[in-house]
Amino acid sequence: MADEILRIENLTHTYAGAPAAAVCDVNLTIRAGEYVAIIGANGSGKSTLARHLNGLLLPTRGQVRIAHADSRDPGALRKIRALIQMVFQQPDSQLIATVVEEDVAFGPENFGVAEAELPARVRAALEQVGMWEARQRAPHLLSAGQKQRVAIAGAIAVRPRILVLDEATTMLDPAGRARVLAILRDLHRQGLTILTITHDMDEAAQAERVIVMQRGRIVMDAAPRQVFARADELRALDLDVPLPVALAARLGLPLCLTAAELGVALRVRPQTQVLPALGQAPAENTPPLIRIEQLSHWYLRGLPNETRALDRVDGEVRRGAALGLIGATGSGKSTLLQHLNGLLPPQAGRVIVGEYDLAQPAPDVRAVRRMVGLIFQQPEDQLFEQYVGDDVAFGPRQLGLDKAEVRARVRAAMEWVGLGFDAYKDRLTNTLSGGERRRAALAGVFALQPQVLVADEPTAGLDPRARAETLNIFRRLHAQGTTLVITSHRMDDIAALCQRVLALAGGRVVAAGATREIFSRPAVLQTHGLDVPPVMQLAQTLREQGVSLGEGILSADELVAALGGDGDGGF
């Protein structure tokens, strides 16, 4: 049996002013070379636990020992931090240099790696995460997904014994996520101990061991097959199970943890084919509410490190439609979104929102922003008031509404997103969980009652239930007539919400059309670092294993129907 590398005994941590402990009486032992996934709903204590592993937080009570070094011993912290490297959920919190390769070199340099060895370490780490070509770029000009890969490279370059990742694939495109997971598997095969915190159940299923947390305590700790066999208990904890497990249950099959196991089980049972029609009804045939014409945008234009983010982009959004923007990290999605409500003015080309042409001198940007609400990729960027109610009220107050109307809008918006007005209006914003912060940010935009809601990665970092609830909020808004423009690296979110898709690569439009049509062209998507939704991937795997299935299956319900099953799909 491998040597013990991490031991946690009776760990309890209570944040100052918090009514309850974030982590309570946790006992945990990790052996060298293990691959462990930690899952739990937002606010379950996962990140708090992770921050104890290298001394970023110290126990209120209890003990954390890394390779027998106690985190409470100030003299041991340097040793501990050389042994254990962390990649945080928000990469901006650990990128400090002005150039990518300098940032990656920072860690090993500070741990005493010889100067002659640094270039080789930096190059190896950046090549592993696919960011070598961006080595001279400024980190703050990278997309969120690119920043995350640089952060992972910085951790790898230290060559620790333990790598802890806190939602490290959240902001990555499908190809980037697959690349990082492959890197983790390779590092694990080389003997590195991996602890990954994730809300993706399929990622957790790749680990050797799964730990489940609830309200600061460990409530399950077993192999993935044993944990995911307890589907009802997991859903009661606001979690879910991997897609093959869920589909096997709906089809009345034994537990299948992987697509291969599901294929074997399906080949021995009769199938009833119910094939979906290819294509999807377009949005209502009305004039475009937003038109994008030959839009180009450069960062640092005219400087030596000029970057072209958009290159003659054309597109339109019809009133009442739901448009999905997809693309690899750095493809220009976020830049395009920020043009839709005037945060970025057109440098070349036009953006026309309703009657307002944002390319004209002195456009009425205030009016455009009343029409188009924007949800940023990281909702904490939008929460700045001390209390939730005041934060949601900020926008309506800027519209000059009277006190009664502001209060009515705040109440309606908060209730809409599931944050009860009376229960949450006086809550401190910095005490909200990740899912609650996301909903508070949504409420702040909803209170403006925009005609168009533009959302950049609205479900990133959410636990399964919070993600399902957020998707349902968007569905209800769309059903009531709100026009949606959504970006996501989760192709299943796009499939669930959007009627049409526009795919970007290198700042250019590479595909546009009905959602089912675009996702029925996997080769085109994969060429540009994208992929089809997980259900379509699973369906293709089953076909390759000899299961008879038609083409164009877009959702779990369609796949279950095509396989002759029915029933409740859970979340």
Protein backbone atom coordinates (compact mmCIF):
# COMPACT_ATOMS: atom_id res chain seq x y z
CA MET A 1 0.00 0.00 0.00
CA ALA A 2 1.28 3.49 -0.90
CA ASP A 3 2.54 5.79 1.82
CA GLU A 4 0.21 8.30 3.41
CA ILE A 5 0.81 11.78 2.00
CA LEU A 6 -2.08 13.77 3.48
CA ARG A 7 -3.85 13.38 6.81
CA ILE A 8 -6.65 15.58 8.12
CA GLU A 9 -7.89 15.06 11.67
CA ASN A 10 -11.03 16.66 13.13
CA LEU A 11 -10.69 19.70 10.87
CA THR A 12 -13.15 22.48 11.64
CA HIS A 13 -13.05 25.96 10.15
CA THR A 14 -15.39 28.85 10.91
CA TYR A 15 -15.10 32.13 9.02
CA ALA A 16 -15.19 35.30 11.11
CA GLY A 17 -18.78 36.40 11.63
CA ALA A 18 -20.25 33.27 10.05
CA PRO A 19 -23.11 31.62 11.96
CA ALA A 20 -21.82 28.07 11.36
CA ALA A 21 -18.63 26.24 10.47
CA ALA A 22 -17.81 25.97 6.76
CA VAL A 23 -15.97 22.69 7.43
CA CYS A 24 -16.85 20.60 10.47
CA ASP A 25 -15.00 17.62 12.00
CA VAL A 26 -13.50 16.38 8.74
CA ASN A 27 -11.22 13.34 8.91
CA LEU A 28 -9.47 12.29 5.72
CA THR A 29 -6.41 10.34 4.64
CA ILE A 30 -4.94 10.43 1.13
CA ARG A 31 -2.19 8.09 -0.01
CA ALA A 32 0.53 8.96 -2.49
CA GLY A 33 -0.55 8.46 -6.09
CA GLU A 34 -4.30 8.49 -5.49
CA TYR A 35 -6.72 10.24 -7.87
CA VAL A 36 -9.53 11.66 -5.77
CA ALA A 37 -12.57 13.69 -6.80
CA ILE A 38 -14.38 15.85 -4.25
CA ILE A 39 -17.98 16.73 -5.09
CA GLY A 40 -20.72 18.60 -3.28
CA ALA A 41 -23.28 21.33 -3.78
CA ASN A 42 -22.25 24.99 -3.79
CA GLY A 43 -21.51 25.95 -0.20
CA SER A 44 -20.77 22.39 0.96
CA GLY A 45 -17.23 23.28 2.07
CA LYS A 46 -15.17 21.85 -0.80
CA SER A 47 -13.14 24.98 -1.51
CA THR A 48 -12.68 25.74 2.19
CA LEU A 49 -11.28 22.24 2.66
CA ALA A 50 -8.96 22.68 -0.33
CA ARG A 51 -7.56 25.95 1.01
CA HIS A 52 -6.43 24.16 4.16
CA LEU A 53 -4.26 21.75 2.22
CA ASN A 54 -1.42 24.21 1.62
CA GLY A 55 -1.94 26.55 4.53
CA LEU A 56 -3.98 29.27 2.82
CA LEU A 57 -6.44 28.70 5.65
CA LEU A 58 -5.54 27.39 9.08
CA PRO A 59 -7.85 25.19 11.15
CA THR A 60 -10.11 26.74 13.74
CA ARG A 61 -9.77 23.32 15.31
CA GLY A 62 -8.03 20.13 14.22
CA GLN A 63 -4.93 19.37 12.19
CA VAL A 64 -3.76 19.14 8.56
CA ARG A 65 -0.50 17.30 7.81
CA ILE A 66 1.15 17.10 4.37
CA ALA A 67 3.95 14.52 4.25
CA HIS A 68 4.00 14.75 8.07
CA ALA A 69 4.41 18.56 8.01
CA ASP A 70 1.80 20.40 10.10
CA SER A 71 0.15 23.34 8.30
CA ARG A 72 -0.05 25.23 11.61
CA ASP A 73 3.77 25.34 11.80
CA PRO A 74 4.95 28.53 10.05
CA GLY A 75 8.32 26.94 9.43
CA ALA A 76 6.70 24.09 7.45
CA LEU A 77 4.67 26.19 5.02
CA ARG A 78 7.42 26.51 2.40
CA LYS A 79 7.87 22.75 2.35
CA ILE A 80 4.10 22.19 2.20
CA ARG A 81 3.63 24.62 -0.69
CA ALA A 82 6.42 22.99 -2.65
CA LEU A 83 4.72 19.62 -2.15
CA ILE A 84 1.18 20.71 -2.97
CA GLN A 85 0.17 23.10 -5.75
CA MET A 86 -3.32 24.48 -6.24
CA VAL A 87 -5.27 25.68 -9.26
CA PHE A 88 -8.18 27.85 -8.18
CA GLN A 89 -11.67 28.24 -9.58
CA GLN A 90 -10.93 31.83 -10.63
CA PRO A 91 -7.52 31.94 -12.37
CA ASP A 92 -7.17 35.72 -11.98
CA SER A 93 -6.46 35.11 -8.29
CA GLN A 94 -3.14 33.44 -9.10
CA LEU A 95 -1.87 35.13 -12.28
CA ILE A 96 0.51 37.90 -11.25
CA ALA A 97 3.11 38.49 -13.97
CA THR A 98 2.79 40.70 -17.05
CA VAL A 99 3.77 37.95 -19.51
CA VAL A 100 2.53 34.35 -19.60
CA GLU A 101 5.93 32.63 -19.53
CA GLU A 102 7.07 34.81 -16.62
CA ASP A 103 3.96 33.84 -14.72
CA VAL A 104 4.62 30.13 -15.23
CA ALA A 105 8.25 30.61 -14.16
CA PHE A 106 7.29 32.43 -10.95
CA GLY A 107 6.52 29.33 -8.88
CA PRO A 108 9.56 27.19 -9.65
CA GLU A 109 11.84 30.23 -9.45
CA ASN A 110 10.59 31.02 -5.95
CA PHE A 111 11.10 27.44 -4.85
CA GLY A 112 14.75 27.61 -5.84
CA VAL A 113 14.81 25.94 -9.27
CA ALA A 114 18.08 26.77 -11.02
CA GLU A 115 17.85 29.58 -13.54
CA ALA A 116 19.27 27.37 -16.28
CA GLU A 117 16.47 24.85 -15.76
CA LEU A 118 13.60 27.36 -15.79
CA PRO A 119 13.12 27.73 -19.58
CA ALA A 120 12.75 23.98 -20.07
CA ARG A 121 10.26 23.71 -17.21
CA VAL A 122 8.20 26.63 -18.51
CA ARG A 123 8.10 25.30 -22.05
CA ALA A 124 7.16 21.76 -20.96
CA ALA A 125 4.34 23.05 -18.76
CA LEU A 126 2.92 25.42 -21.37
CA GLU A 127 3.09 22.78 -24.09
CA GLN A 128 1.21 20.34 -21.86
CA VAL A 129 -1.71 22.75 -21.61
CA GLY A 130 -1.52 23.98 -25.20
CA MET A 131 -0.46 27.55 -24.37
CA TRP A 132 3.15 27.68 -25.62
CA GLU A 133 2.21 29.89 -28.57
CA ALA A 134 0.76 32.44 -26.12
CA ARG A 135 3.92 32.62 -23.99
CA GLN A 136 4.58 36.30 -24.79
CA ARG A 137 1.01 37.47 -24.25
CA ALA A 138 -0.22 39.40 -21.23
CA PRO A 139 -2.35 37.16 -18.97
CA HIS A 140 -5.01 39.83 -18.47
CA LEU A 141 -5.70 39.81 -22.23
CA LEU A 142 -6.41 36.08 -22.30
CA SER A 143 -9.86 34.57 -22.19
CA ALA A 144 -10.99 32.96 -18.94
CA GLY A 145 -10.30 29.48 -20.27
CA GLN A 146 -6.83 30.44 -21.46
CA LYS A 147 -6.06 31.96 -18.06
CA GLN A 148 -7.08 28.70 -16.42
CA ARG A 149 -4.68 26.73 -18.59
CA VAL A 150 -1.84 29.11 -17.74
CA ALA A 151 -2.64 28.68 -14.03
CA ILE A 152 -2.45 24.89 -14.45
CA ALA A 153 0.87 25.27 -16.26
CA GLY A 154 2.24 27.34 -13.38
CA ALA A 155 1.31 24.60 -10.93
CA ILE A 156 2.73 21.80 -13.08
CA ALA A 157 6.02 23.69 -13.51
CA VAL A 158 6.70 23.45 -9.76
CA ARG A 159 6.54 19.64 -10.09
CA PRO A 160 4.67 19.05 -6.83
CA ARG A 161 3.73 15.69 -5.30
CA ILE A 162 0.07 16.71 -4.98
CA LEU A 163 -1.99 18.77 -7.42
CA VAL A 164 -5.28 20.21 -6.15
CA LEU A 165 -7.70 21.61 -8.73
CA ASP A 166 -10.73 23.63 -7.65
CA GLU A 167 -13.15 23.52 -10.62
CA ALA A 168 -10.16 23.89 -12.92
CA THR A 169 -12.03 22.85 -16.08
CA THR A 170 -15.05 25.08 -15.53
CA MET A 171 -14.07 27.77 -18.05
CA LEU A 172 -12.52 25.47 -20.65
CA ASP A 173 -13.92 24.65 -24.06
CA PRO A 174 -14.58 20.94 -24.81
CA ALA A 175 -11.18 20.38 -26.42
CA GLY A 176 -9.42 22.22 -23.60
CA ARG A 177 -11.30 20.24 -20.97
CA ALA A 178 -10.45 16.96 -22.65
CA ARG A 179 -6.81 18.07 -22.90
CA VAL A 180 -6.62 18.96 -19.20
CA LEU A 181 -8.28 15.69 -18.14
CA ALA A 182 -5.80 13.81 -20.33
CA ILE A 183 -2.97 15.75 -18.66
CA LEU A 184 -4.29 14.80 -15.23
CA ARG A 185 -4.52 11.15 -16.20
CA ASP A 186 -0.96 11.27 -17.53
CA LEU A 187 0.35 13.02 -14.41
CA HIS A 188 -1.46 10.46 -12.28
CA ARG A 189 0.15 7.60 -14.22
CA GLN A 190 3.50 9.25 -13.48
CA GLY A 191 2.73 9.03 -9.77
CA LEU A 192 1.33 12.48 -8.99
CA THR A 193 -1.43 12.59 -6.41
CA ILE A 194 -4.50 14.35 -7.85
CA LEU A 195 -7.33 15.94 -5.88
CA THR A 196 -9.94 17.54 -8.11
CA ILE A 197 -12.99 19.46 -6.97
CA THR A 198 -15.67 19.33 -9.62
CA HIS A 199 -19.37 19.69 -10.33
CA ASP A 200 -19.05 17.50 -13.42
CA MET A 201 -20.12 14.01 -12.46
CA ASP A 202 -18.55 12.46 -15.57
CA GLU A 203 -15.21 13.98 -14.56
CA ALA A 204 -15.62 12.66 -11.02
CA ALA A 205 -16.30 9.18 -12.40
CA GLN A 206 -12.78 9.14 -13.89
CA ALA A 207 -11.22 9.30 -10.42
CA GLU A 208 -10.31 6.26 -8.33
CA ARG A 209 -12.17 7.61 -5.32
CA VAL A 210 -15.04 10.04 -4.84
CA ILE A 211 -15.62 12.08 -1.69
CA VAL A 212 -19.00 13.74 -1.23
CA MET A 213 -19.45 16.75 1.06
CA GLN A 214 -22.56 18.30 2.55
CA ARG A 215 -22.66 21.28 4.92
CA GLY A 216 -18.97 21.01 5.68
CA ARG A 217 -18.92 17.29 6.39
CA ILE A 218 -17.88 14.21 4.42
CA VAL A 219 -20.99 12.10 3.87
CA MET A 220 -19.67 9.59 1.31
CA ASP A 221 -16.19 8.30 0.53
CA ALA A 222 -15.87 5.34 -1.83
CA ALA A 223 -15.05 4.20 -5.34
CA PRO A 224 -17.07 5.94 -8.09
CA ARG A 225 -19.21 2.88 -8.76
CA GLN A 226 -20.28 2.68 -5.12
CA VAL A 227 -20.96 6.41 -4.82
CA PHE A 228 -22.94 6.77 -8.06
CA ALA A 229 -25.03 3.71 -7.25
CA ARG A 230 -26.67 5.94 -4.60
CA ALA A 231 -28.37 8.22 -7.13
CA ASP A 232 -31.36 9.15 -4.97
CA GLU A 233 -29.12 10.14 -2.07
CA LEU A 234 -26.91 12.22 -4.37
CA ARG A 235 -29.88 14.07 -5.82
CA ALA A 236 -31.09 14.81 -2.31
CA LEU A 237 -27.69 16.48 -1.85
CA ASP A 238 -28.29 18.65 -4.97
CA LEU A 239 -25.92 16.49 -7.02
CA ASP A 240 -26.47 14.07 -9.89
CA VAL A 241 -24.89 11.01 -11.50
CA PRO A 242 -22.85 10.59 -14.72
CA LEU A 243 -24.86 10.44 -17.93
CA PRO A 244 -24.41 6.66 -18.52
CA VAL A 245 -25.60 5.95 -14.96
CA ALA A 246 -28.70 8.13 -15.39
CA LEU A 247 -29.59 6.63 -18.77
CA ALA A 248 -29.10 3.07 -17.56
CA ALA A 249 -31.51 3.73 -14.68
CA ARG A 250 -34.13 5.22 -17.02
CA LEU A 251 -33.80 2.21 -19.31
CA GLY A 252 -34.12 -0.30 -16.48
CA LEU A 253 -30.54 -1.55 -16.88
CA PRO A 254 -27.96 -2.38 -14.20
CA LEU A 255 -25.62 0.40 -13.16
CA CYS A 256 -23.38 1.45 -16.08
CA LEU A 257 -20.60 3.85 -15.14
CA THR A 258 -19.22 4.26 -18.66
CA ALA A 259 -20.45 4.41 -22.23
CA ALA A 260 -18.74 1.08 -22.90
CA GLU A 261 -20.70 -0.61 -20.10
CA LEU A 262 -23.93 0.94 -21.36
CA GLY A 263 -23.23 -0.33 -24.87
CA VAL A 264 -22.72 -3.88 -23.62
CA ALA A 265 -25.95 -3.77 -21.63
CA LEU A 266 -27.93 -2.39 -24.58
CA ARG A 267 -26.70 -4.96 -27.07
CA VAL A 268 -28.41 -7.74 -25.15
CA ARG A 269 -31.84 -6.12 -24.98
CA PRO A 270 -34.42 -5.41 -27.68
CA GLN A 271 -34.78 -1.81 -28.86
CA THR A 272 -37.69 0.24 -30.05
CA GLN A 273 -36.59 2.98 -32.38
CA VAL A 274 -38.22 6.41 -32.03
CA LEU A 275 -36.03 8.67 -34.12
CA PRO A 276 -36.13 12.48 -33.78
CA ALA A 277 -36.55 14.60 -36.86
CA LEU A 278 -33.40 16.39 -37.94
CA GLY A 279 -33.65 20.16 -37.71
CA GLN A 280 -35.47 22.50 -35.36
CA ALA A 281 -38.12 25.16 -35.83
CA PRO A 282 -36.56 28.58 -36.38
CA ALA A 283 -37.44 31.59 -34.28
CA GLU A 284 -40.52 33.64 -35.14
CA ASN A 285 -40.16 35.30 -38.53
CA THR A 286 -39.75 38.87 -37.35
CA PRO A 287 -37.20 41.58 -38.21
CA PRO A 288 -33.89 41.28 -36.34
CA LEU A 289 -33.74 42.99 -32.96
CA ILE A 290 -29.92 42.98 -33.12
CA ARG A 291 -27.85 43.11 -36.31
CA ILE A 292 -24.08 42.59 -36.47
CA GLU A 293 -22.44 43.63 -39.71
CA GLN A 294 -18.77 43.05 -40.56
CA LEU A 295 -17.81 43.64 -36.92
CA SER A 296 -14.08 43.61 -36.14
CA HIS A 297 -12.30 44.35 -32.89
CA TRP A 298 -8.64 44.55 -31.86
CA TYR A 299 -7.10 44.65 -28.41
CA LEU A 300 -4.04 46.91 -28.09
CA ARG A 301 -4.62 48.05 -31.64
CA GLY A 302 -1.56 49.62 -33.20
CA LEU A 303 0.84 48.16 -30.61
CA PRO A 304 3.36 45.36 -31.21
CA ASN A 305 1.23 42.83 -29.30
CA GLU A 306 -2.01 43.78 -31.07
CA THR A 307 -4.59 40.98 -31.00
CA ARG A 308 -7.53 40.72 -33.38
CA ALA A 309 -10.45 39.30 -31.39
CA LEU A 310 -13.22 39.65 -34.01
CA ASP A 311 -12.80 39.50 -37.77
CA ARG A 312 -15.71 40.74 -39.92
CA VAL A 313 -18.42 38.97 -37.95
CA ASP A 314 -21.97 38.96 -39.32
CA GLY A 315 -25.03 37.80 -37.43
CA GLU A 316 -28.49 38.67 -36.22
CA VAL A 317 -30.76 38.02 -33.28
CA ARG A 318 -34.50 38.02 -33.90
CA ARG A 319 -36.96 39.23 -31.29
CA GLY A 320 -37.96 36.36 -29.00
CA ALA A 321 -35.18 34.07 -30.27
CA ALA A 322 -32.61 32.15 -28.23
CA LEU A 323 -29.16 32.25 -29.83
CA GLY A 324 -26.20 30.23 -28.58
CA LEU A 325 -22.65 31.44 -29.17
CA ILE A 326 -20.06 28.67 -29.08
CA GLY A 327 -16.35 28.62 -29.65
CA ALA A 328 -13.04 27.56 -28.15
CA THR A 329 -11.45 29.77 -25.53
CA GLY A 330 -10.15 32.91 -27.23
CA SER A 331 -12.55 32.59 -30.16
CA GLY A 332 -14.14 36.00 -29.53
CA LYS A 333 -17.43 35.04 -27.84
CA SER A 334 -17.10 37.32 -24.81
CA THR A 335 -15.81 40.17 -26.96
CA LEU A 336 -18.83 39.83 -29.23
CA LEU A 337 -21.23 39.78 -26.26
CA GLN A 338 -19.76 43.00 -24.89
CA HIS A 339 -20.61 44.76 -28.15
CA LEU A 340 -24.29 43.91 -27.82
CA ASN A 341 -25.01 46.43 -25.07
CA GLY A 342 -22.32 48.97 -25.89
CA LEU A 343 -19.65 47.98 -23.37
CA LEU A 344 -17.31 47.82 -26.36
CA PRO A 345 -17.93 50.24 -29.25
CA PRO A 346 -17.42 48.95 -32.81
CA GLN A 347 -13.94 49.69 -34.11
CA ALA A 348 -14.94 48.46 -37.57
CA GLY A 349 -18.33 47.35 -38.81
CA ARG A 350 -21.71 47.94 -37.13
CA VAL A 351 -23.85 46.73 -34.27
CA ILE A 352 -27.48 47.84 -34.47
CA VAL A 353 -29.72 47.24 -31.45
CA GLY A 354 -33.32 48.13 -32.16
CA GLU A 355 -33.20 51.64 -33.57
CA TYR A 356 -29.72 52.39 -32.19
CA ASP A 357 -26.63 52.11 -34.37
CA LEU A 358 -23.68 51.78 -31.99
CA ALA A 359 -21.23 52.61 -34.79
CA GLN A 360 -22.61 56.14 -35.06
CA PRO A 361 -21.01 59.03 -33.16
CA ALA A 362 -22.40 59.41 -29.62
CA PRO A 363 -25.04 56.63 -29.72
CA ASP A 364 -27.56 56.45 -26.89
CA VAL A 365 -25.73 53.70 -25.00
CA ARG A 366 -27.89 54.23 -21.91
CA ALA A 367 -31.00 53.35 -23.91
CA VAL A 368 -29.27 50.30 -25.38
CA ARG A 369 -28.35 49.06 -21.91
CA ARG A 370 -31.95 49.40 -20.81
CA MET A 371 -32.85 47.08 -23.69
CA VAL A 372 -29.97 44.61 -23.32
CA GLY A 373 -29.01 43.19 -19.94
CA LEU A 374 -25.59 41.55 -19.59
CA ILE A 375 -24.65 38.78 -17.15
CA PHE A 376 -20.87 38.52 -16.86
CA GLN A 377 -18.94 35.27 -16.79
CA GLN A 378 -18.02 35.80 -13.14
CA PRO A 379 -21.04 37.14 -11.23
CA GLU A 380 -18.94 38.48 -8.37
CA ASP A 381 -17.85 41.15 -10.86
CA GLN A 382 -21.39 42.51 -10.65
CA LEU A 383 -22.04 42.25 -6.90
CA PHE A 384 -20.66 45.30 -5.12
CA GLU A 385 -23.27 46.45 -2.60
CA GLN A 386 -23.10 45.19 0.99
CA TYR A 387 -26.63 43.74 1.01
CA VAL A 388 -28.35 41.61 -1.59
CA GLY A 389 -31.46 43.79 -1.78
CA ASP A 390 -29.41 46.93 -2.39
CA ASP A 391 -27.39 45.23 -5.09
CA VAL A 392 -30.50 44.10 -6.97
CA ALA A 393 -31.98 47.59 -6.52
CA PHE A 394 -28.97 49.43 -7.92
CA GLY A 395 -30.01 49.25 -11.57
CA PRO A 396 -33.67 50.25 -11.09
CA ARG A 397 -32.56 53.19 -8.93
CA GLN A 398 -30.35 54.42 -11.78
CA LEU A 399 -33.46 54.46 -13.98
CA GLY A 400 -34.98 57.09 -11.69
CA LEU A 401 -37.90 54.91 -10.60
CA ASP A 402 -39.79 55.82 -7.44
CA LYS A 403 -39.16 53.85 -4.24
CA ALA A 404 -42.31 51.73 -4.53
CA GLU A 405 -41.52 50.68 -8.10
CA VAL A 406 -37.91 49.87 -7.20
CA ARG A 407 -39.05 47.71 -4.31
CA ALA A 408 -41.63 45.95 -6.49
CA ARG A 409 -39.03 45.20 -9.17
CA VAL A 410 -36.49 43.95 -6.63
CA ARG A 411 -39.05 41.68 -4.98
CA ALA A 412 -40.22 40.28 -8.32
CA ALA A 413 -36.67 39.71 -9.60
CA MET A 414 -35.49 38.01 -6.42
CA GLU A 415 -38.52 35.76 -6.22
CA TRP A 416 -38.09 34.91 -9.92
CA VAL A 417 -34.58 33.53 -9.34
CA GLY A 418 -35.51 31.71 -6.15
CA LEU A 419 -34.02 34.12 -3.62
CA GLY A 420 -36.97 34.92 -1.37
CA PHE A 421 -37.20 38.68 -0.90
CA ASP A 422 -37.79 38.62 2.85
CA ALA A 423 -35.16 35.93 3.45
CA TYR A 424 -32.40 37.40 1.31
CA LYS A 425 -32.83 41.18 0.96
CA ASP A 426 -30.77 41.87 4.09
CA ARG A 427 -28.20 39.10 3.55
CA LEU A 428 -24.58 40.17 3.11
CA THR A 429 -23.55 39.53 -0.49
CA ASN A 430 -20.19 38.12 0.61
CA THR A 431 -21.91 35.36 2.60
CA LEU A 432 -23.76 33.91 -0.40
CA SER A 433 -22.78 30.57 -1.90
CA GLY A 434 -21.63 30.38 -5.50
CA GLY A 435 -25.09 29.43 -6.73
CA GLU A 436 -26.75 32.17 -4.69
CA ARG A 437 -24.31 34.76 -6.02
CA ARG A 438 -25.14 33.68 -9.56
CA ARG A 439 -28.86 34.08 -8.88
CA ALA A 440 -28.35 37.46 -7.18
CA ALA A 441 -26.45 38.68 -10.27
CA LEU A 442 -29.29 37.43 -12.46
CA ALA A 443 -31.84 39.21 -10.28
CA GLY A 444 -29.94 42.49 -10.60
CA VAL A 445 -30.27 42.32 -14.38
CA PHE A 446 -33.87 41.01 -14.35
CA ALA A 447 -34.90 43.97 -12.22
CA LEU A 448 -34.07 46.21 -15.19
CA GLN A 449 -36.64 44.24 -17.24
CA PRO A 450 -34.51 44.12 -20.40
CA GLN A 451 -35.88 42.96 -23.75
CA VAL A 452 -32.68 41.00 -24.39
CA LEU A 453 -30.69 39.01 -21.84
CA VAL A 454 -27.07 38.35 -22.79
CA ALA A 455 -25.33 35.80 -20.55
CA ASP A 456 -21.69 34.75 -20.65
CA GLU A 457 -21.27 31.19 -19.28
CA PRO A 458 -24.30 31.48 -16.94
CA THR A 459 -23.96 27.96 -15.45
CA ALA A 460 -20.17 27.81 -15.04
CA GLY A 461 -19.16 26.64 -11.57
CA LEU A 462 -22.66 25.67 -10.43
CA ASP A 463 -23.56 22.37 -8.80
CA PRO A 464 -26.01 20.16 -10.74
CA ARG A 465 -29.17 21.40 -9.03
CA ALA A 466 -28.18 25.07 -9.23
CA ARG A 467 -27.31 24.58 -12.89
CA ALA A 468 -30.68 22.95 -13.58
CA GLU A 469 -32.48 25.76 -11.74
CA THR A 470 -30.54 28.40 -13.70
CA LEU A 471 -31.40 26.75 -17.00
CA ASN A 472 -35.05 26.65 -15.93
CA ILE A 473 -34.96 30.38 -15.15
CA PHE A 474 -33.73 31.09 -18.67
CA ARG A 475 -36.37 28.78 -20.17
CA ARG A 476 -39.14 30.62 -18.31
CA LEU A 477 -37.77 34.00 -19.35
CA HIS A 478 -37.65 32.89 -22.98
CA ALA A 479 -41.17 31.48 -22.77
CA GLN A 480 -42.37 34.91 -21.61
CA GLY A 481 -40.79 36.61 -24.61
CA THR A 482 -37.29 37.62 -23.48
CA THR A 483 -34.71 37.35 -26.25
CA LEU A 484 -31.67 35.32 -25.16
CA VAL A 485 -28.05 35.31 -26.28
CA ILE A 486 -26.04 32.70 -24.39
CA THR A 487 -22.43 31.57 -24.48
CA SER A 488 -21.36 28.32 -22.91
CA HIS A 489 -18.64 25.70 -23.12
CA ARG A 490 -21.32 23.20 -22.10
CA MET A 491 -22.84 22.08 -25.35
CA ASP A 492 -25.75 20.46 -23.47
CA ASP A 493 -26.71 23.90 -22.10
CA ILE A 494 -26.77 25.29 -25.63
CA ALA A 495 -28.83 22.31 -26.83
CA ALA A 496 -31.29 22.78 -23.96
CA LEU A 497 -31.80 26.54 -24.35
CA CYS A 498 -31.07 27.69 -27.87
CA GLN A 499 -32.94 27.50 -31.16
CA ARG A 500 -29.98 28.65 -33.23
CA VAL A 501 -26.21 28.52 -32.88
CA LEU A 502 -23.39 30.73 -34.10
CA ALA A 503 -19.92 29.17 -33.84
CA LEU A 504 -16.77 31.31 -33.71
CA ALA A 505 -13.14 30.39 -34.25
CA GLY A 506 -10.28 32.85 -34.36
CA GLY A 507 -12.75 35.73 -34.24
CA ARG A 508 -14.64 34.53 -37.34
CA VAL A 509 -17.99 32.84 -37.84
CA VAL A 510 -17.33 29.25 -38.91
CA ALA A 511 -20.89 27.87 -38.66
CA ALA A 512 -24.38 29.25 -38.15
CA GLY A 513 -27.78 27.63 -38.24
CA ALA A 514 -30.40 25.67 -36.31
CA THR A 515 -29.06 23.99 -33.20
CA ARG A 516 -29.68 20.41 -34.30
CA GLU A 517 -28.20 21.14 -37.71
CA ILE A 518 -24.97 22.58 -36.25
CA PHE A 519 -24.55 19.75 -33.76
CA SER A 520 -25.06 17.21 -36.52
CA ARG A 521 -21.72 18.37 -37.97
CA PRO A 522 -19.26 17.08 -35.32
CA ALA A 523 -16.27 17.06 -37.66
CA VAL A 524 -16.63 20.80 -38.27
CA LEU A 525 -16.98 21.53 -34.56
CA GLN A 526 -14.05 19.33 -33.54
CA THR A 527 -11.82 21.09 -36.06
CA HIS A 528 -12.36 24.28 -34.05
CA GLY A 529 -11.89 22.87 -30.53
CA LEU A 530 -15.59 22.19 -29.95
CA ASP A 531 -17.72 19.09 -29.72
CA VAL A 532 -21.33 17.97 -29.71
CA PRO A 533 -23.40 17.68 -26.50
CA PRO A 534 -22.53 14.71 -24.26
CA VAL A 535 -25.74 12.90 -25.21
CA MET A 536 -24.75 13.03 -28.89
CA GLN A 537 -21.25 11.82 -28.01
CA LEU A 538 -22.73 8.94 -26.04
CA ALA A 539 -25.11 8.06 -28.87
CA GLN A 540 -22.20 7.94 -31.31
CA THR A 541 -20.20 5.71 -28.94
CA LEU A 542 -23.17 3.35 -28.68
CA ARG A 543 -23.46 3.20 -32.48
CA GLU A 544 -19.78 2.31 -32.71
CA GLN A 545 -20.43 -0.50 -30.22
CA GLY A 546 -23.17 -1.94 -32.39
CA VAL A 547 -26.27 -0.35 -30.84
CA SER A 548 -28.78 0.62 -33.54
CA LEU A 549 -29.54 4.34 -33.27
CA GLY A 550 -30.66 7.02 -35.69
CA GLU A 551 -28.80 10.29 -36.22
CA GLY A 552 -29.57 13.72 -34.79
CA ILE A 553 -30.31 12.74 -31.18
CA LEU A 554 -29.87 15.94 -29.20
CA SER A 555 -31.17 15.32 -25.66
CA ALA A 556 -31.32 12.61 -23.01
CA ASP A 557 -35.08 12.32 -23.49
CA GLU A 558 -34.60 11.69 -27.21
CA LEU A 559 -31.92 9.08 -26.56
CA VAL A 560 -34.07 7.29 -23.98
CA ALA A 561 -37.02 7.32 -26.39
CA ALA A 562 -34.83 6.02 -29.22
CA LEU A 563 -33.78 3.15 -26.96
CA GLY A 564 -37.35 2.31 -26.03
CA GLY A 565 -37.38 3.77 -22.52
CA ASP A 566 -39.21 6.54 -20.73
CA GLY A 567 -39.48 7.94 -17.24
CA ASP A 568 -38.24 10.82 -15.19
CA GLY A 569 -34.83 12.17 -16.12
CA GLY A 570 -34.03 13.57 -12.66
CA PHE A 571 -32.59 17.09 -12.85
